[in-house]
Amino acid sequence: MNRSLPSFPSYRPRRLRGSRGIRQLVSETALRRSDLIWPIFICEGRNLATDIQSMPGVRRLSIDLAVAEASNAAAMGIQCVALFPEVDIAKRTLDCREAWNPDSLINRTTRRIKAQLPDLLVMLDVAMDPYNLAGHDGLVVDGVIVNDPTLECLRKQAVSHAEAGADIIGPSDMMDGRVGAIRSALDECGFTDVSIMSYSAKFASAFYGPFRDAIGSEGLLTGDKKTYQLNPANADEACRMVARDIQEGADMVMVKPGMPYLDICRRVKSEFGFPTFAYQVSGEYAMLYALAEAGIVDLESVVMESLIAFRRAGCDGILTYFAPIAARMLRSYD
């Protein structure tokens, strides 16, 4: 690109910053309500909403309230919700069998949402941690997170979610070979149109703490997840994982966490040209919210700036707990 520019005073860049209209006219990056995926935490009960202490402003919702909130989200222009269950401790086992129970909390929620809102996309996570008594994403045998036996569990879980009506399956477990295993299971059962958004570049991050609190896994986790999630120092490895997942049948790929890994988002989009998403995770949410609560920043301003950063880095969409706030702001711009 020719970077030669005329000199001042004939070139005055501030001419294109002087009003909101002109700034929008020449904006290089746009954020739309349809770019947002809203994660919602689900709990058992009726007419029940419980606050998540580590995520102010976010609540666990019973199925009836989740359906109502999903309807509100659709009315605001949000086109996809991602559902995460708080599973009762009595249903958490070392074999994780509740993960593929057709009547699990998350499958019942999905059926209710799709019955009332058939055009709203529902994305469901595929991993063992909400169901695992040991808190890990894979089966644990003699203290080791075992890869290949976990794949069969993931296959069964993915099929149960597709049967419940999920539009998008999100493998977040980081087991080797899981995308290929899930894709073949879905295809064998006739769910060839169900998409896979793989958590391809999921890092062993310290930003996940509030999420584990939200799904009730924080006190159960033994050890850490560094033997299967990515080393935060490794960008090349992250790209290899994206390439592997695309080869195995992923339709979309994700980088998680988001803001600390914008360089990975840019590389993934530039190198593969595939639909690329980022997850603005619970720790990122809590950090920005705490700054605003302390009066240090304006919440709406930093939310919009952070989401624009994802788009500028090449992301096609963002999973964010700020989706309702951002959707309301974007609607006011219409």
Protein backbone atom coordinates (compact mmCIF):
# COMPACT_ATOMS: atom_id res chain seq x y z
CA MET A 1 0.00 0.00 0.00
CA ASN A 2 1.28 3.45 -0.95
CA ARG A 3 1.61 5.36 2.33
CA SER A 4 2.56 8.67 0.69
CA LEU A 5 0.30 11.42 2.03
CA PRO A 6 -0.05 15.10 1.27
CA SER A 7 1.33 17.38 3.96
CA PHE A 8 -0.30 19.89 6.26
CA PRO A 9 -2.13 22.19 5.69
CA SER A 10 -3.68 20.57 2.61
CA TYR A 11 -4.08 17.32 4.54
CA ARG A 12 -6.11 17.80 7.71
CA PRO A 13 -7.18 14.42 9.13
CA ARG A 14 -9.35 16.12 11.75
CA ARG A 15 -11.85 16.97 9.00
CA LEU A 16 -12.97 13.34 9.22
CA ARG A 17 -13.37 13.42 13.02
CA GLY A 18 -15.41 16.60 13.45
CA SER A 19 -18.87 15.08 13.94
CA ARG A 20 -20.50 11.77 14.78
CA GLY A 21 -21.90 11.53 11.28
CA ILE A 22 -18.56 11.93 9.54
CA ARG A 23 -16.85 9.57 11.99
CA GLN A 24 -19.43 6.88 11.24
CA LEU A 25 -19.21 7.53 7.51
CA VAL A 26 -15.49 6.73 7.41
CA SER A 27 -15.45 4.08 10.16
CA GLU A 28 -13.25 1.15 9.15
CA THR A 29 -14.85 -1.34 11.55
CA ALA A 30 -18.52 -1.96 12.33
CA LEU A 31 -20.15 -3.82 15.21
CA ARG A 32 -23.64 -5.22 14.66
CA ARG A 33 -26.13 -6.77 17.05
CA SER A 34 -25.96 -9.95 14.98
CA ASP A 35 -22.25 -10.21 15.85
CA LEU A 36 -23.10 -10.93 19.49
CA ILE A 37 -23.58 -14.32 21.15
CA TRP A 38 -25.00 -14.12 24.67
CA PRO A 39 -23.91 -16.79 27.21
CA ILE A 40 -26.69 -17.62 29.69
CA PHE A 41 -26.30 -19.72 32.85
CA ILE A 42 -29.16 -22.14 33.58
CA CYS A 43 -30.25 -23.58 36.93
CA GLU A 44 -33.02 -25.88 38.10
CA GLY A 45 -36.23 -24.46 39.59
CA ARG A 46 -39.03 -22.18 38.52
CA ASN A 47 -39.14 -18.39 38.47
CA LEU A 48 -35.66 -18.49 39.97
CA ALA A 49 -32.81 -16.06 39.34
CA THR A 50 -29.70 -16.26 41.51
CA ASP A 51 -26.89 -13.72 41.48
CA ILE A 52 -23.37 -14.85 40.65
CA GLN A 53 -21.19 -13.04 43.18
CA SER A 54 -18.05 -13.09 41.05
CA MET A 55 -19.96 -11.74 38.01
CA PRO A 56 -22.08 -8.76 39.17
CA GLY A 57 -25.08 -8.23 36.93
CA VAL A 58 -25.10 -11.86 35.71
CA ARG A 59 -27.57 -14.39 37.12
CA ARG A 60 -28.33 -18.08 36.86
CA LEU A 61 -31.84 -18.47 35.45
CA SER A 62 -34.40 -21.24 35.73
CA ILE A 63 -35.72 -22.55 32.43
CA ASP A 64 -38.84 -20.36 32.37
CA LEU A 65 -36.85 -17.18 33.00
CA ALA A 66 -34.17 -18.25 30.51
CA VAL A 67 -36.82 -18.61 27.82
CA ALA A 68 -38.16 -15.14 28.65
CA GLU A 69 -34.67 -13.62 28.56
CA ALA A 70 -33.90 -15.38 25.28
CA SER A 71 -37.07 -13.86 23.85
CA ASN A 72 -35.94 -10.41 25.02
CA ALA A 73 -32.53 -10.99 23.46
CA ALA A 74 -34.08 -11.94 20.13
CA ALA A 75 -36.23 -8.80 20.24
CA MET A 76 -33.07 -6.74 20.74
CA GLY A 77 -31.46 -8.27 17.64
CA ILE A 78 -29.26 -10.89 19.29
CA GLN A 79 -29.44 -13.95 17.06
CA CYS A 80 -27.63 -16.58 19.14
CA VAL A 81 -27.49 -17.63 22.79
CA ALA A 82 -24.99 -20.02 24.37
CA LEU A 83 -26.33 -22.03 27.30
CA PHE A 84 -24.31 -23.31 30.28
CA PRO A 85 -25.79 -25.42 33.11
CA GLU A 86 -25.25 -25.38 36.85
CA VAL A 87 -25.51 -29.11 37.47
CA ASP A 88 -26.59 -30.38 40.87
CA ILE A 89 -23.75 -32.03 42.76
CA ALA A 90 -25.81 -35.22 43.05
CA LYS A 91 -25.73 -35.56 39.25
CA ARG A 92 -21.96 -35.07 38.92
CA THR A 93 -20.12 -38.34 38.58
CA LEU A 94 -16.69 -39.53 37.53
CA ASP A 95 -18.18 -41.16 34.41
CA CYS A 96 -20.06 -37.91 33.56
CA ARG A 97 -23.14 -39.77 32.32
CA GLU A 98 -25.45 -36.79 32.93
CA ALA A 99 -23.67 -35.06 30.02
CA TRP A 100 -25.66 -37.08 27.48
CA ASN A 101 -28.89 -37.50 29.42
CA PRO A 102 -31.71 -36.57 26.96
CA ASP A 103 -33.55 -34.91 29.86
CA SER A 104 -30.58 -33.01 31.25
CA LEU A 105 -31.11 -29.43 32.37
CA ILE A 106 -29.46 -28.00 29.27
CA ASN A 107 -31.38 -30.24 26.85
CA ARG A 108 -34.71 -29.35 28.47
CA THR A 109 -33.84 -25.66 28.23
CA THR A 110 -32.91 -25.99 24.57
CA ARG A 111 -36.20 -27.70 23.71
CA ARG A 112 -38.18 -24.96 25.43
CA ILE A 113 -36.29 -22.15 23.71
CA LYS A 114 -36.48 -23.72 20.26
CA ALA A 115 -40.21 -24.43 20.69
CA GLN A 116 -40.91 -20.77 21.44
CA LEU A 117 -38.15 -19.14 19.39
CA PRO A 118 -37.35 -21.44 16.46
CA ASP A 119 -35.29 -18.81 14.63
CA LEU A 120 -33.04 -18.01 17.59
CA LEU A 121 -29.78 -19.96 17.33
CA VAL A 122 -28.83 -22.06 20.34
CA MET A 123 -25.21 -22.99 20.93
CA LEU A 124 -24.35 -25.73 23.44
CA ASP A 125 -20.98 -26.45 24.99
CA VAL A 126 -19.53 -29.95 24.71
CA ALA A 127 -17.18 -30.85 27.56
CA MET A 128 -17.33 -32.87 30.75
CA ASP A 129 -16.57 -30.19 33.37
CA PRO A 130 -20.18 -29.29 34.35
CA TYR A 131 -20.88 -33.01 34.93
CA ASN A 132 -17.52 -34.21 36.24
CA LEU A 133 -17.10 -34.76 39.97
CA ALA A 134 -13.43 -33.94 39.42
CA GLY A 135 -14.19 -30.66 37.62
CA HIS A 136 -12.16 -31.49 34.51
CA ASP A 137 -13.18 -31.29 30.84
CA GLY A 138 -12.25 -34.93 30.28
CA LEU A 139 -12.58 -38.18 32.18
CA VAL A 140 -10.10 -38.62 35.03
CA VAL A 141 -8.54 -42.04 35.62
CA ASP A 142 -5.97 -42.45 38.40
CA GLY A 143 -5.41 -38.71 38.45
CA VAL A 144 -4.84 -38.47 34.67
CA ILE A 145 -7.20 -36.72 32.23
CA VAL A 146 -7.57 -39.44 29.62
CA ASN A 147 -8.05 -38.44 26.00
CA ASP A 148 -9.46 -41.29 23.93
CA PRO A 149 -12.09 -42.57 26.41
CA THR A 150 -13.33 -38.98 26.70
CA LEU A 151 -13.99 -38.84 22.94
CA GLU A 152 -16.81 -41.36 23.19
CA CYS A 153 -18.42 -39.26 25.93
CA LEU A 154 -18.16 -36.16 23.76
CA ARG A 155 -19.76 -37.98 20.84
CA LYS A 156 -22.75 -39.00 22.95
CA GLN A 157 -23.09 -35.55 24.47
CA ALA A 158 -23.01 -33.82 21.08
CA VAL A 159 -25.69 -36.12 19.67
CA SER A 160 -27.95 -35.59 22.70
CA HIS A 161 -27.64 -31.82 22.22
CA ALA A 162 -28.41 -32.07 18.52
CA GLU A 163 -31.48 -34.18 19.31
CA ALA A 164 -32.62 -31.44 21.71
CA GLY A 165 -32.45 -28.89 18.90
CA ALA A 166 -29.05 -27.25 19.25
CA ASP A 167 -28.00 -25.37 16.13
CA ILE A 168 -24.31 -25.08 17.04
CA ILE A 169 -22.12 -27.52 18.97
CA GLY A 170 -19.16 -25.94 20.78
CA PRO A 171 -16.43 -28.45 21.74
CA SER A 172 -14.50 -26.74 24.55
CA ASP A 173 -12.72 -29.73 26.06
CA MET A 174 -9.43 -29.51 24.10
CA MET A 175 -9.04 -33.29 23.80
CA ASP A 176 -7.07 -34.37 20.73
CA GLY A 177 -9.31 -35.56 17.89
CA ARG A 178 -12.55 -34.35 19.40
CA VAL A 179 -13.82 -32.34 16.43
CA GLY A 180 -13.46 -35.29 14.08
CA ALA A 181 -15.13 -37.60 16.60
CA ILE A 182 -18.06 -35.23 17.10
CA ARG A 183 -18.49 -34.52 13.40
CA SER A 184 -18.63 -38.21 12.55
CA ALA A 185 -21.11 -38.87 15.37
CA LEU A 186 -23.40 -36.07 14.24
CA ASP A 187 -23.25 -37.18 10.62
CA GLU A 188 -23.89 -40.83 11.49
CA CYS A 189 -27.04 -39.79 13.37
CA GLY A 190 -28.35 -37.61 10.56
CA PHE A 191 -27.37 -34.22 12.01
CA THR A 192 -25.34 -33.13 9.03
CA ASP A 193 -26.71 -29.57 9.23
CA VAL A 194 -25.68 -28.99 12.85
CA SER A 195 -22.66 -26.67 12.91
CA ILE A 196 -19.51 -26.97 14.99
CA MET A 197 -17.87 -23.89 16.47
CA SER A 198 -14.72 -25.34 17.96
CA TYR A 199 -12.89 -23.78 20.88
CA SER A 200 -9.78 -24.32 18.81
CA ALA A 201 -7.39 -21.92 20.54
CA LYS A 202 -8.44 -22.29 24.17
CA PHE A 203 -5.69 -21.27 26.53
CA ALA A 204 -5.02 -22.40 30.11
CA SER A 205 -6.00 -19.01 31.41
CA ALA A 206 -6.42 -17.42 34.83
CA PHE A 207 -9.42 -15.47 33.47
CA TYR A 208 -11.88 -18.38 33.81
CA GLY A 209 -12.43 -18.26 37.57
CA PRO A 210 -15.85 -16.57 37.67
CA PHE A 211 -17.22 -19.00 35.05
CA ARG A 212 -16.27 -21.98 37.21
CA ASP A 213 -18.06 -20.28 40.07
CA ALA A 214 -21.14 -19.79 37.86
CA ILE A 215 -21.45 -23.47 36.90
CA GLY A 216 -20.51 -24.73 40.37
CA SER A 217 -17.18 -26.36 39.43
CA GLU A 218 -14.77 -24.07 41.29
CA GLY A 219 -14.50 -26.16 44.45
CA LEU A 220 -14.40 -29.48 42.58
CA LEU A 221 -11.42 -28.95 40.30
CA THR A 222 -8.40 -31.00 41.27
CA GLY A 223 -5.12 -29.66 39.92
CA ASP A 224 -5.24 -27.51 36.79
CA LYS A 225 -6.01 -27.84 33.08
CA LYS A 226 -2.54 -27.21 31.69
CA THR A 227 -2.13 -30.75 30.30
CA TYR A 228 -4.85 -30.16 27.70
CA GLN A 229 -5.44 -26.41 27.32
CA LEU A 230 -2.92 -24.27 25.46
CA ASN A 231 0.15 -22.63 26.93
CA PRO A 232 -0.50 -18.84 26.87
CA ALA A 233 3.01 -18.37 25.48
CA ASN A 234 2.33 -20.36 22.27
CA ALA A 235 0.90 -18.58 19.24
CA ASP A 236 2.19 -20.99 16.59
CA GLU A 237 0.70 -23.94 18.46
CA ALA A 238 -2.64 -22.13 18.62
CA CYS A 239 -2.63 -21.84 14.83
CA ARG A 240 -1.79 -25.52 14.49
CA MET A 241 -4.80 -26.36 16.64
CA VAL A 242 -7.02 -24.19 14.43
CA ALA A 243 -5.68 -25.92 11.30
CA ARG A 244 -6.31 -29.34 12.88
CA ASP A 245 -9.90 -28.51 13.81
CA ILE A 246 -10.70 -27.13 10.38
CA GLN A 247 -9.31 -30.30 8.82
CA GLU A 248 -11.45 -32.43 11.17
CA GLY A 249 -14.69 -30.66 10.24
CA ALA A 250 -15.11 -27.48 12.28
CA ASP A 251 -17.33 -24.90 10.58
CA MET A 252 -16.22 -22.02 12.80
CA VAL A 253 -13.28 -21.55 15.18
CA MET A 254 -12.90 -19.67 18.43
CA VAL A 255 -10.14 -18.00 20.42
CA LYS A 256 -10.58 -18.04 24.21
CA PRO A 257 -10.00 -15.82 26.19
CA GLY A 258 -10.47 -12.77 24.01
CA MET A 259 -8.86 -9.47 24.91
CA PRO A 260 -5.45 -10.86 26.06
CA TYR A 261 -5.28 -12.87 22.80
CA LEU A 262 -6.24 -10.36 20.09
CA ASP A 263 -2.98 -11.16 18.30
CA ILE A 264 -4.17 -14.77 17.99
CA CYS A 265 -7.54 -13.60 16.63
CA ARG A 266 -5.76 -11.58 13.94
CA ARG A 267 -3.44 -14.44 12.99
CA VAL A 268 -6.25 -16.98 12.80
CA LYS A 269 -8.41 -14.79 10.58
CA SER A 270 -5.50 -13.76 8.36
CA GLU A 271 -3.99 -17.23 7.96
CA PHE A 272 -7.15 -19.31 7.57
CA GLY A 273 -9.91 -16.95 6.40
CA PHE A 274 -12.39 -19.05 8.38
CA PRO A 275 -15.30 -17.70 10.44
CA THR A 276 -13.47 -16.64 13.59
CA PHE A 277 -14.98 -15.91 17.00
CA ALA A 278 -13.65 -14.83 20.37
CA TYR A 279 -15.01 -15.40 23.87
CA GLN A 280 -14.85 -12.36 26.12
CA VAL A 281 -14.64 -14.58 29.16
CA SER A 282 -15.92 -14.20 32.71
CA GLY A 283 -12.71 -12.72 34.09
CA GLU A 284 -12.69 -10.07 31.37
CA TYR A 285 -16.30 -9.25 32.18
CA ALA A 286 -15.63 -9.03 35.93
CA MET A 287 -12.55 -6.88 35.37
CA LEU A 288 -14.35 -4.27 33.27
CA TYR A 289 -17.39 -4.32 35.54
CA ALA A 290 -15.21 -3.79 38.64
CA LEU A 291 -13.48 -0.82 37.02
CA ALA A 292 -16.84 0.74 36.27
CA GLU A 293 -18.21 0.00 39.75
CA ALA A 294 -15.17 1.76 41.22
CA GLY A 295 -15.93 4.83 39.11
CA ILE A 296 -12.68 4.50 37.18
CA VAL A 297 -14.24 4.00 33.72
CA ASP A 298 -17.64 4.35 32.07
CA LEU A 299 -19.05 0.84 31.60
CA GLU A 300 -20.87 1.38 28.31
CA SER A 301 -17.86 3.10 26.76
CA VAL A 302 -15.36 0.37 27.66
CA VAL A 303 -17.81 -2.36 26.62
CA MET A 304 -18.20 -0.91 23.16
CA GLU A 305 -14.48 -0.21 22.81
CA SER A 306 -13.59 -3.76 23.79
CA LEU A 307 -16.10 -5.27 21.36
CA ILE A 308 -14.90 -3.06 18.52
CA ALA A 309 -11.38 -4.31 19.28
CA PHE A 310 -12.50 -7.89 18.59
CA ARG A 311 -14.00 -6.89 15.27
CA ARG A 312 -10.92 -4.86 14.35
CA ALA A 313 -8.76 -7.90 15.11
CA GLY A 314 -10.73 -9.89 12.54
CA CYS A 315 -13.42 -11.62 14.61
CA ASP A 316 -16.74 -12.30 12.89
CA GLY A 317 -18.52 -12.48 16.22
CA ILE A 318 -18.05 -12.34 19.99
CA LEU A 319 -19.42 -14.37 22.87
CA THR A 320 -19.91 -11.79 25.61
CA TYR A 321 -21.88 -11.39 28.83
CA PHE A 322 -22.23 -7.74 27.82
CA ALA A 323 -24.40 -8.69 24.82
CA PRO A 324 -27.65 -7.17 26.18
CA ILE A 325 -25.91 -3.87 27.04
CA ALA A 326 -24.21 -3.73 23.66
CA ALA A 327 -27.41 -4.64 21.79
CA ARG A 328 -29.34 -1.86 23.49
CA MET A 329 -26.65 0.66 22.63
CA LEU A 330 -26.40 -0.50 19.03
CA ARG A 331 -30.18 -0.34 18.64
CA SER A 332 -30.10 3.28 19.76
CA TYR A 333 -27.72 4.02 16.88
CA ASP A 334 -30.16 2.66 14.26
